[in-house]
PDB file of all heavy atoms in Angstrom:
ATOM      1  N   ALA A   1      19.061  20.691 -19.212  1.00  0.00           N
ATOM      2  CA  ALA A   1      18.049  19.947 -19.971  1.00  0.00           C
ATOM      3  C   ALA A   1      16.768  20.759 -20.099  1.00  0.00           C
ATOM      4  O   ALA A   1      16.147  20.809 -21.170  1.00  0.00           O
ATOM      5  CB  ALA A   1      17.768  18.607 -19.305  1.00  0.00           C
ATOM      6  N   ARG A   2      16.374  21.421 -19.022  1.00  0.00           N
ATOM      7  CA  ARG A   2      15.162  22.246 -19.073  1.00  0.00           C
ATOM      8  C   ARG A   2      15.365  23.434 -20.015  1.00  0.00           C
ATOM      9  O   ARG A   2      14.467  23.801 -20.760  1.00  0.00           O
ATOM     10  CB  ARG A   2      14.789  22.724 -17.680  1.00  0.00           C
ATOM     11  CG  ARG A   2      13.465  23.435 -17.649  1.00  0.00           C
ATOM     12  CD  ARG A   2      12.752  23.271 -16.364  1.00  0.00           C
ATOM     13  NE  ARG A   2      11.420  23.854 -16.460  1.00  0.00           N
ATOM     14  CZ  ARG A   2      10.766  24.322 -15.446  1.00  0.00           C
ATOM     15  NH1 ARG A   2      11.281  24.251 -14.240  1.00  0.00           N
ATOM     16  NH2 ARG A   2       9.569  24.846 -15.599  1.00  0.00           N
ATOM     17  N   LEU A   3      16.553  24.020 -19.984  1.00  0.00           N
ATOM     18  CA  LEU A   3      16.842  25.136 -20.884  1.00  0.00           C
ATOM     19  C   LEU A   3      16.820  24.681 -22.336  1.00  0.00           C
ATOM     20  O   LEU A   3      16.249  25.351 -23.191  1.00  0.00           O
ATOM     21  CB  LEU A   3      18.193  25.777 -20.547  1.00  0.00           C
ATOM     22  CG  LEU A   3      18.626  26.919 -21.461  1.00  0.00           C
ATOM     23  CD1 LEU A   3      17.627  28.069 -21.420  1.00  0.00           C
ATOM     24  CD2 LEU A   3      20.003  27.411 -21.070  1.00  0.00           C
ATOM     25  N   ASP A   4      17.428  23.539 -22.617  1.00  0.00           N
ATOM     26  CA  ASP A   4      17.419  23.015 -23.987  1.00  0.00           C
ATOM     27  C   ASP A   4      15.994  22.840 -24.496  1.00  0.00           C
ATOM     28  O   ASP A   4      15.667  23.246 -25.617  1.00  0.00           O
ATOM     29  CB  ASP A   4      18.167  21.685 -24.069  1.00  0.00           C
ATOM     30  CG  ASP A   4      19.671  21.834 -23.935  1.00  0.00           C
ATOM     31  OD1 ASP A   4      20.181  22.964 -24.082  1.00  0.00           O
ATOM     32  OD2 ASP A   4      20.337  20.815 -23.681  1.00  0.00           O
ATOM     33  N   ALA A   5      15.141  22.248 -23.681  1.00  0.00           N
ATOM     34  CA  ALA A   5      13.745  22.031 -24.072  1.00  0.00           C
ATOM     35  C   ALA A   5      13.025  23.363 -24.264  1.00  0.00           C
ATOM     36  O   ALA A   5      12.263  23.546 -25.224  1.00  0.00           O
ATOM     37  CB  ALA A   5      13.030  21.188 -23.028  1.00  0.00           C
ATOM     38  N   THR A   6      13.283  24.294 -23.377  1.00  0.00           N
ATOM     39  CA  THR A   6      12.631  25.610 -23.473  1.00  0.00           C
ATOM     40  C   THR A   6      13.082  26.351 -24.723  1.00  0.00           C
ATOM     41  O   THR A   6      12.266  26.948 -25.425  1.00  0.00           O
ATOM     42  CB  THR A   6      12.954  26.450 -22.219  1.00  0.00           C
ATOM     43  OG1 THR A   6      12.473  25.753 -21.071  1.00  0.00           O
ATOM     44  CG2 THR A   6      12.309  27.825 -22.292  1.00  0.00           C
ATOM     45  N   VAL A   7      14.376  26.311 -25.011  1.00  0.00           N
ATOM     46  CA  VAL A   7      14.901  27.002 -26.194  1.00  0.00           C
ATOM     47  C   VAL A   7      14.295  26.405 -27.465  1.00  0.00           C
ATOM     48  O   VAL A   7      13.871  27.140 -28.359  1.00  0.00           O
ATOM     49  CB  VAL A   7      16.445  26.962 -26.226  1.00  0.00           C
ATOM     50  CG1 VAL A   7      16.987  27.408 -27.566  1.00  0.00           C
ATOM     51  CG2 VAL A   7      17.000  27.832 -25.112  1.00  0.00           C
ATOM     52  N   ARG A   8      14.230  25.093 -27.550  1.00  0.00           N
ATOM     53  CA  ARG A   8      13.631  24.460 -28.738  1.00  0.00           C
ATOM     54  C   ARG A   8      12.174  24.882 -28.914  1.00  0.00           C
ATOM     55  O   ARG A   8      11.718  25.136 -30.019  1.00  0.00           O
ATOM     56  CB  ARG A   8      13.707  22.941 -28.630  1.00  0.00           C
ATOM     57  CG  ARG A   8      15.037  22.371 -29.014  1.00  0.00           C
ATOM     58  CD  ARG A   8      14.983  20.857 -29.186  1.00  0.00           C
ATOM     59  NE  ARG A   8      14.523  20.165 -27.992  1.00  0.00           N
ATOM     60  CZ  ARG A   8      15.305  19.812 -26.969  1.00  0.00           C
ATOM     61  NH1 ARG A   8      16.585  20.104 -27.013  1.00  0.00           N
ATOM     62  NH2 ARG A   8      14.815  19.173 -25.929  1.00  0.00           N
ATOM     63  N   ARG A   9      11.460  24.996 -27.816  1.00  0.00           N
ATOM     64  CA  ARG A   9      10.039  25.324 -27.868  1.00  0.00           C
ATOM     65  C   ARG A   9       9.775  26.825 -28.057  1.00  0.00           C
ATOM     66  O   ARG A   9       8.853  27.217 -28.761  1.00  0.00           O
ATOM     67  CB  ARG A   9       9.374  24.827 -26.576  1.00  0.00           C
ATOM     68  CG  ARG A   9       7.879  24.962 -26.540  1.00  0.00           C
ATOM     69  CD  ARG A   9       7.276  24.461 -25.213  1.00  0.00           C
ATOM     70  NE  ARG A   9       7.763  25.236 -24.079  1.00  0.00           N
ATOM     71  CZ  ARG A   9       8.549  24.769 -23.108  1.00  0.00           C
ATOM     72  NH1 ARG A   9       8.958  23.523 -23.121  1.00  0.00           N
ATOM     73  NH2 ARG A   9       8.940  25.545 -22.119  1.00  0.00           N
ATOM     74  N   GLU A  10      10.572  27.674 -27.436  1.00  0.00           N
ATOM     75  CA  GLU A  10      10.240  29.104 -27.331  1.00  0.00           C
ATOM     76  C   GLU A  10      11.065  30.039 -28.207  1.00  0.00           C
ATOM     77  O   GLU A  10      10.681  31.189 -28.382  1.00  0.00           O
ATOM     78  CB  GLU A  10      10.401  29.560 -25.872  1.00  0.00           C
ATOM     79  CG  GLU A  10       9.531  28.846 -24.886  1.00  0.00           C
ATOM     80  CD  GLU A  10       8.073  29.221 -24.994  1.00  0.00           C
ATOM     81  OE1 GLU A  10       7.766  30.329 -25.461  1.00  0.00           O
ATOM     82  OE2 GLU A  10       7.235  28.401 -24.606  1.00  0.00           O
ATOM     83  N   ARG A  11      12.191  29.608 -28.738  1.00  0.00           N
ATOM     84  CA  ARG A  11      13.118  30.530 -29.412  1.00  0.00           C
ATOM     85  C   ARG A  11      12.461  31.291 -30.565  1.00  0.00           C
ATOM     86  O   ARG A  11      12.603  32.509 -30.674  1.00  0.00           O
ATOM     87  CB  ARG A  11      14.351  29.783 -29.914  1.00  0.00           C
ATOM     88  CG  ARG A  11      15.423  30.712 -30.434  1.00  0.00           C
ATOM     89  CD  ARG A  11      16.702  29.938 -30.751  1.00  0.00           C
ATOM     90  NE  ARG A  11      17.763  30.835 -31.105  1.00  0.00           N
ATOM     91  CZ  ARG A  11      17.944  31.334 -32.326  1.00  0.00           C
ATOM     92  NH1 ARG A  11      17.135  30.997 -33.296  1.00  0.00           N
ATOM     93  NH2 ARG A  11      18.933  32.168 -32.562  1.00  0.00           N
ATOM     94  N   GLY A  12      11.760  30.599 -31.430  1.00  0.00           N
ATOM     95  CA  GLY A  12      11.119  31.260 -32.562  1.00  0.00           C
ATOM     96  C   GLY A  12      10.100  32.303 -32.134  1.00  0.00           C
ATOM     97  O   GLY A  12      10.062  33.422 -32.655  1.00  0.00           O
ATOM     98  N   ARG A  13       9.262  31.922 -31.169  1.00  0.00           N
ATOM     99  CA  ARG A  13       8.262  32.871 -30.655  1.00  0.00           C
ATOM    100  C   ARG A  13       8.923  34.063 -29.983  1.00  0.00           C
ATOM    101  O   ARG A  13       8.463  35.203 -30.135  1.00  0.00           O
ATOM    102  CB  ARG A  13       7.340  32.188 -29.647  1.00  0.00           C
ATOM    103  CG  ARG A  13       6.248  31.395 -30.281  1.00  0.00           C
ATOM    104  CD  ARG A  13       5.302  30.910 -29.222  1.00  0.00           C
ATOM    105  NE  ARG A  13       5.945  29.786 -28.552  1.00  0.00           N
ATOM    106  CZ  ARG A  13       5.326  28.729 -28.125  1.00  0.00           C
ATOM    107  NH1 ARG A  13       4.029  28.635 -28.245  1.00  0.00           N
ATOM    108  NH2 ARG A  13       5.966  27.747 -27.542  1.00  0.00           N
ATOM    109  N   LEU A  14       9.987  33.793 -29.234  1.00  0.00           N
ATOM    110  CA  LEU A  14      10.691  34.862 -28.531  1.00  0.00           C
ATOM    111  C   LEU A  14      11.265  35.868 -29.516  1.00  0.00           C
ATOM    112  O   LEU A  14      11.062  37.081 -29.377  1.00  0.00           O
ATOM    113  CB  LEU A  14      11.806  34.268 -27.662  1.00  0.00           C
ATOM    114  CG  LEU A  14      12.715  35.238 -26.926  1.00  0.00           C
ATOM    115  CD1 LEU A  14      11.921  36.098 -25.963  1.00  0.00           C
ATOM    116  CD2 LEU A  14      13.803  34.472 -26.191  1.00  0.00           C
ATOM    117  N   ILE A  15      11.928  35.390 -30.548  1.00  0.00           N
ATOM    118  CA  ILE A  15      12.524  36.287 -31.545  1.00  0.00           C
ATOM    119  C   ILE A  15      11.444  37.047 -32.301  1.00  0.00           C
ATOM    120  O   ILE A  15      11.560  38.252 -32.521  1.00  0.00           O
ATOM    121  CB  ILE A  15      13.448  35.503 -32.489  1.00  0.00           C
ATOM    122  CG1 ILE A  15      14.689  35.028 -31.715  1.00  0.00           C
ATOM    123  CG2 ILE A  15      13.858  36.350 -33.698  1.00  0.00           C
ATOM    124  CD1 ILE A  15      15.558  34.061 -32.463  1.00  0.00           C
ATOM    125  N   ALA A  16      10.369  36.367 -32.683  1.00  0.00           N
ATOM    126  CA  ALA A  16       9.279  37.040 -33.407  1.00  0.00           C
ATOM    127  C   ALA A  16       8.641  38.132 -32.551  1.00  0.00           C
ATOM    128  O   ALA A  16       8.379  39.242 -33.039  1.00  0.00           O
ATOM    129  CB  ALA A  16       8.232  36.021 -33.836  1.00  0.00           C
ATOM    130  N   ALA A  17       8.390  37.838 -31.286  1.00  0.00           N
ATOM    131  CA  ALA A  17       7.769  38.831 -30.407  1.00  0.00           C
ATOM    132  C   ALA A  17       8.689  40.030 -30.193  1.00  0.00           C
ATOM    133  O   ALA A  17       8.242  41.186 -30.224  1.00  0.00           O
ATOM    134  CB  ALA A  17       7.406  38.194 -29.070  1.00  0.00           C
ATOM    135  N   LEU A  18       9.971  39.760 -29.988  1.00  0.00           N
ATOM    136  CA  LEU A  18      10.917  40.857 -29.800  1.00  0.00           C
ATOM    137  C   LEU A  18      11.040  41.709 -31.060  1.00  0.00           C
ATOM    138  O   LEU A  18      11.035  42.938 -30.987  1.00  0.00           O
ATOM    139  CB  LEU A  18      12.297  40.318 -29.419  1.00  0.00           C
ATOM    140  CG  LEU A  18      12.449  39.778 -28.006  1.00  0.00           C
ATOM    141  CD1 LEU A  18      13.739  38.989 -27.890  1.00  0.00           C
ATOM    142  CD2 LEU A  18      12.419  40.916 -26.997  1.00  0.00           C
ATOM    143  N   ALA A  19      11.154  41.060 -32.208  1.00  0.00           N
ATOM    144  CA  ALA A  19      11.285  41.798 -33.469  1.00  0.00           C
ATOM    145  C   ALA A  19      10.052  42.656 -33.718  1.00  0.00           C
ATOM    146  O   ALA A  19      10.164  43.796 -34.178  1.00  0.00           O
ATOM    147  CB  ALA A  19      11.515  40.834 -34.627  1.00  0.00           C
ATOM    148  N   ALA A  20       8.872  42.134 -33.405  1.00  0.00           N
ATOM    149  CA  ALA A  20       7.638  42.901 -33.594  1.00  0.00           C
ATOM    150  C   ALA A  20       7.615  44.122 -32.685  1.00  0.00           C
ATOM    151  O   ALA A  20       7.194  45.205 -33.100  1.00  0.00           O
ATOM    152  CB  ALA A  20       6.427  42.018 -33.329  1.00  0.00           C
ATOM    153  N   ARG A  21       8.067  43.957 -31.456  1.00  0.00           N
ATOM    154  CA  ARG A  21       8.079  45.085 -30.519  1.00  0.00           C
ATOM    155  C   ARG A  21       9.146  46.104 -30.869  1.00  0.00           C
ATOM    156  O   ARG A  21       8.957  47.306 -30.702  1.00  0.00           O
ATOM    157  CB  ARG A  21       8.315  44.597 -29.101  1.00  0.00           C
ATOM    158  CG  ARG A  21       7.115  43.872 -28.540  1.00  0.00           C
ATOM    159  CD  ARG A  21       7.323  43.588 -27.116  1.00  0.00           C
ATOM    160  NE  ARG A  21       6.410  44.450 -26.374  1.00  0.00           N
ATOM    161  CZ  ARG A  21       6.224  44.379 -25.091  1.00  0.00           C
ATOM    162  NH1 ARG A  21       6.886  43.516 -24.380  1.00  0.00           N
ATOM    163  NH2 ARG A  21       5.366  45.180 -24.498  1.00  0.00           N
ATOM    164  N   LEU A  22      10.282  45.626 -31.352  1.00  0.00           N
ATOM    165  CA  LEU A  22      11.374  46.533 -31.680  1.00  0.00           C
ATOM    166  C   LEU A  22      11.110  47.298 -32.964  1.00  0.00           C
ATOM    167  O   LEU A  22      11.393  48.484 -33.051  1.00  0.00           O
ATOM    168  CB  LEU A  22      12.691  45.760 -31.802  1.00  0.00           C
ATOM    169  CG  LEU A  22      13.212  45.137 -30.516  1.00  0.00           C
ATOM    170  CD1 LEU A  22      14.317  44.146 -30.816  1.00  0.00           C
ATOM    171  CD2 LEU A  22      13.682  46.207 -29.558  1.00  0.00           C
ATOM    172  N   GLY A  23      10.579  46.600 -33.980  1.00  0.00           N
ATOM    173  CA  GLY A  23      10.293  47.233 -35.267  1.00  0.00           C
ATOM    174  C   GLY A  23      11.531  47.875 -35.868  1.00  0.00           C
ATOM    175  O   GLY A  23      12.608  47.847 -35.310  1.00  0.00           O
ATOM    176  N   GLY A  24      11.369  48.421 -37.031  1.00  0.00           N
ATOM    177  CA  GLY A  24      12.455  49.167 -37.652  1.00  0.00           C
ATOM    178  C   GLY A  24      13.556  48.291 -38.215  1.00  0.00           C
ATOM    179  O   GLY A  24      13.541  47.078 -38.090  1.00  0.00           O
ATOM    180  N   PRO A  25      14.515  48.950 -38.860  1.00  0.00           N
ATOM    181  CA  PRO A  25      15.622  48.207 -39.474  1.00  0.00           C
ATOM    182  C   PRO A  25      16.487  47.542 -38.401  1.00  0.00           C
ATOM    183  O   PRO A  25      16.754  48.114 -37.359  1.00  0.00           O
ATOM    184  CB  PRO A  25      16.399  49.279 -40.227  1.00  0.00           C
ATOM    185  CG  PRO A  25      16.014  50.561 -39.605  1.00  0.00           C
ATOM    186  CD  PRO A  25      14.626  50.382 -39.039  1.00  0.00           C
ATOM    187  N   GLY A  26      16.881  46.342 -38.686  1.00  0.00           N
ATOM    188  CA  GLY A  26      17.744  45.623 -37.753  1.00  0.00           C
ATOM    189  C   GLY A  26      17.029  44.987 -36.589  1.00  0.00           C
ATOM    190  O   GLY A  26      17.679  44.463 -35.688  1.00  0.00           O
ATOM    191  N   ALA A  27      15.702  45.018 -36.592  1.00  0.00           N
ATOM    192  CA  ALA A  27      14.950  44.488 -35.457  1.00  0.00           C
ATOM    193  C   ALA A  27      15.163  42.992 -35.278  1.00  0.00           C
ATOM    194  O   ALA A  27      15.329  42.519 -34.161  1.00  0.00           O
ATOM    195  CB  ALA A  27      13.465  44.800 -35.613  1.00  0.00           C
ATOM    196  N   VAL A  28      15.179  42.250 -36.375  1.00  0.00           N
ATOM    197  CA  VAL A  28      15.346  40.801 -36.273  1.00  0.00           C
ATOM    198  C   VAL A  28      16.751  40.473 -35.780  1.00  0.00           C
ATOM    199  O   VAL A  28      16.927  39.605 -34.912  1.00  0.00           O
ATOM    200  CB  VAL A  28      15.043  40.095 -37.613  1.00  0.00           C
ATOM    201  CG1 VAL A  28      15.366  38.614 -37.535  1.00  0.00           C
ATOM    202  CG2 VAL A  28      13.593  40.310 -38.008  1.00  0.00           C
ATOM    203  N   ASP A  29      17.750  41.180 -36.283  1.00  0.00           N
ATOM    204  CA  ASP A  29      19.130  40.942 -35.833  1.00  0.00           C
ATOM    205  C   ASP A  29      19.268  41.229 -34.337  1.00  0.00           C
ATOM    206  O   ASP A  29      19.867  40.437 -33.601  1.00  0.00           O
ATOM    207  CB  ASP A  29      20.121  41.803 -36.607  1.00  0.00           C
ATOM    208  CG  ASP A  29      20.291  41.360 -38.050  1.00  0.00           C
ATOM    209  OD1 ASP A  29      19.982  40.181 -38.339  1.00  0.00           O
ATOM    210  OD2 ASP A  29      20.726  42.175 -38.873  1.00  0.00           O
ATOM    211  N   LEU A  30      18.715  42.342 -33.892  1.00  0.00           N
ATOM    212  CA  LEU A  30      18.773  42.688 -32.477  1.00  0.00           C
ATOM    213  C   LEU A  30      18.005  41.660 -31.656  1.00  0.00           C
ATOM    214  O   LEU A  30      18.473  41.224 -30.597  1.00  0.00           O
ATOM    215  CB  LEU A  30      18.218  44.091 -32.229  1.00  0.00           C
ATOM    216  CG  LEU A  30      18.164  44.547 -30.772  1.00  0.00           C
ATOM    217  CD1 LEU A  30      19.544  44.507 -30.124  1.00  0.00           C
ATOM    218  CD2 LEU A  30      17.562  45.946 -30.688  1.00  0.00           C
ATOM    219  N   ALA A  31      16.837  41.246 -32.134  1.00  0.00           N
ATOM    220  CA  ALA A  31      16.038  40.249 -31.420  1.00  0.00           C
ATOM    221  C   ALA A  31      16.800  38.932 -31.276  1.00  0.00           C
ATOM    222  O   ALA A  31      16.795  38.317 -30.205  1.00  0.00           O
ATOM    223  CB  ALA A  31      14.712  40.023 -32.140  1.00  0.00           C
ATOM    224  N   GLU A  32      17.467  38.508 -32.334  1.00  0.00           N
ATOM    225  CA  GLU A  32      18.260  37.270 -32.263  1.00  0.00           C
ATOM    226  C   GLU A  32      19.413  37.418 -31.282  1.00  0.00           C
ATOM    227  O   GLU A  32      19.704  36.496 -30.511  1.00  0.00           O
ATOM    228  CB  GLU A  32      18.788  36.903 -33.645  1.00  0.00           C
ATOM    229  CG  GLU A  32      17.713  36.405 -34.584  1.00  0.00           C
ATOM    230  CD  GLU A  32      18.220  36.166 -36.000  1.00  0.00           C
ATOM    231  OE1 GLU A  32      19.293  36.705 -36.369  1.00  0.00           O
ATOM    232  OE2 GLU A  32      17.532  35.439 -36.734  1.00  0.00           O
ATOM    233  N   ASP A  33      20.060  38.566 -31.299  1.00  0.00           N
ATOM    234  CA  ASP A  33      21.193  38.795 -30.395  1.00  0.00           C
ATOM    235  C   ASP A  33      20.761  38.773 -28.932  1.00  0.00           C
ATOM    236  O   ASP A  33      21.402  38.121 -28.094  1.00  0.00           O
ATOM    237  CB  ASP A  33      21.878  40.124 -30.700  1.00  0.00           C
ATOM    238  CG  ASP A  33      22.679  40.107 -31.983  1.00  0.00           C
ATOM    239  OD1 ASP A  33      22.908  39.010 -32.534  1.00  0.00           O
ATOM    240  OD2 ASP A  33      23.069  41.208 -32.443  1.00  0.00           O
ATOM    241  N   VAL A  34      19.689  39.484 -28.605  1.00  0.00           N
ATOM    242  CA  VAL A  34      19.277  39.544 -27.198  1.00  0.00           C
ATOM    243  C   VAL A  34      18.643  38.229 -26.752  1.00  0.00           C
ATOM    244  O   VAL A  34      18.736  37.876 -25.568  1.00  0.00           O
ATOM    245  CB  VAL A  34      18.366  40.755 -26.894  1.00  0.00           C
ATOM    246  CG1 VAL A  34      19.126  42.056 -27.108  1.00  0.00           C
ATOM    247  CG2 VAL A  34      17.084  40.727 -27.676  1.00  0.00           C
ATOM    248  N   ALA A  35      18.032  37.491 -27.668  1.00  0.00           N
ATOM    249  CA  ALA A  35      17.522  36.166 -27.320  1.00  0.00           C
ATOM    250  C   ALA A  35      18.697  35.264 -26.944  1.00  0.00           C
ATOM    251  O   ALA A  35      18.640  34.530 -25.947  1.00  0.00           O
ATOM    252  CB  ALA A  35      16.720  35.568 -28.472  1.00  0.00           C
ATOM    253  N   GLN A  36      19.763  35.327 -27.722  1.00  0.00           N
ATOM    254  CA  GLN A  36      20.946  34.526 -27.400  1.00  0.00           C
ATOM    255  C   GLN A  36      21.565  34.972 -26.084  1.00  0.00           C
ATOM    256  O   GLN A  36      21.995  34.144 -25.283  1.00  0.00           O
ATOM    257  CB  GLN A  36      21.978  34.622 -28.534  1.00  0.00           C
ATOM    258  CG  GLN A  36      23.144  33.695 -28.358  1.00  0.00           C
ATOM    259  CD  GLN A  36      22.734  32.231 -28.390  1.00  0.00           C
ATOM    260  OE1 GLN A  36      21.843  31.837 -29.119  1.00  0.00           O
ATOM    261  NE2 GLN A  36      23.391  31.424 -27.586  1.00  0.00           N
ATOM    262  N   ASP A  37      21.603  36.270 -25.838  1.00  0.00           N
ATOM    263  CA  ASP A  37      22.122  36.773 -24.560  1.00  0.00           C
ATOM    264  C   ASP A  37      21.282  36.255 -23.391  1.00  0.00           C
ATOM    265  O   ASP A  37      21.820  35.932 -22.329  1.00  0.00           O
ATOM    266  CB  ASP A  37      22.129  38.301 -24.543  1.00  0.00           C
ATOM    267  CG  ASP A  37      23.164  38.913 -25.476  1.00  0.00           C
ATOM    268  OD1 ASP A  37      24.043  38.175 -25.982  1.00  0.00           O
ATOM    269  OD2 ASP A  37      23.081  40.138 -25.711  1.00  0.00           O
ATOM    270  N   ALA A  38      19.969  36.195 -23.571  1.00  0.00           N
ATOM    271  CA  ALA A  38      19.085  35.687 -22.520  1.00  0.00           C
ATOM    272  C   ALA A  38      19.337  34.201 -22.273  1.00  0.00           C
ATOM    273  O   ALA A  38      19.306  33.738 -21.124  1.00  0.00           O
ATOM    274  CB  ALA A  38      17.625  35.931 -22.891  1.00  0.00           C
ATOM    275  N   ILE A  39      19.602  33.454 -23.324  1.00  0.00           N
ATOM    276  CA  ILE A  39      19.893  32.024 -23.183  1.00  0.00           C
ATOM    277  C   ILE A  39      21.199  31.829 -22.408  1.00  0.00           C
ATOM    278  O   ILE A  39      21.290  30.983 -21.517  1.00  0.00           O
ATOM    279  CB  ILE A  39      19.938  31.350 -24.561  1.00  0.00           C
ATOM    280  CG1 ILE A  39      18.533  31.341 -25.171  1.00  0.00           C
ATOM    281  CG2 ILE A  39      20.509  29.939 -24.467  1.00  0.00           C
ATOM    282  CD1 ILE A  39      18.491  31.016 -26.659  1.00  0.00           C
ATOM    283  N   VAL A  40      22.200  32.638 -22.719  1.00  0.00           N
ATOM    284  CA  VAL A  40      23.475  32.567 -21.986  1.00  0.00           C
ATOM    285  C   VAL A  40      23.243  32.923 -20.515  1.00  0.00           C
ATOM    286  O   VAL A  40      23.772  32.257 -19.614  1.00  0.00           O
ATOM    287  CB  VAL A  40      24.536  33.489 -22.631  1.00  0.00           C
ATOM    288  CG1 VAL A  40      25.765  33.625 -21.744  1.00  0.00           C
ATOM    289  CG2 VAL A  40      24.914  32.964 -24.006  1.00  0.00           C
ATOM    290  N   ALA A  41      22.430  33.950 -20.261  1.00  0.00           N
ATOM    291  CA  ALA A  41      22.120  34.326 -18.876  1.00  0.00           C
ATOM    292  C   ALA A  41      21.407  33.186 -18.157  1.00  0.00           C
ATOM    293  O   ALA A  41      21.661  32.936 -16.972  1.00  0.00           O
ATOM    294  CB  ALA A  41      21.267  35.592 -18.857  1.00  0.00           C
ATOM    295  N   ALA A  42      20.533  32.485 -18.864  1.00  0.00           N
ATOM    296  CA  ALA A  42      19.841  31.344 -18.261  1.00  0.00           C
ATOM    297  C   ALA A  42      20.828  30.242 -17.912  1.00  0.00           C
ATOM    298  O   ALA A  42      20.736  29.632 -16.842  1.00  0.00           O
ATOM    299  CB  ALA A  42      18.757  30.828 -19.207  1.00  0.00           C
ATOM    300  N   LEU A  43      21.769  29.965 -18.804  1.00  0.00           N
ATOM    301  CA  LEU A  43      22.794  28.954 -18.514  1.00  0.00           C
ATOM    302  C   LEU A  43      23.555  29.299 -17.232  1.00  0.00           C
ATOM    303  O   LEU A  43      23.834  28.426 -16.412  1.00  0.00           O
ATOM    304  CB  LEU A  43      23.789  28.856 -19.672  1.00  0.00           C
ATOM    305  CG  LEU A  43      23.396  28.025 -20.864  1.00  0.00           C
ATOM    306  CD1 LEU A  43      24.405  28.219 -21.992  1.00  0.00           C
ATOM    307  CD2 LEU A  43      23.294  26.563 -20.489  1.00  0.00           C
TER     308      LEU A  43
END
């Protein structure tokens, strides 16, 4: 339940911050992938 609430609140910010730091082509795709990997690790 805590993870669900956190994901709803933080996912967009997390992906945006990662994509900004990664930069370059494919940054958003990589950011989405690693954000999902982090969510699985949290589970």
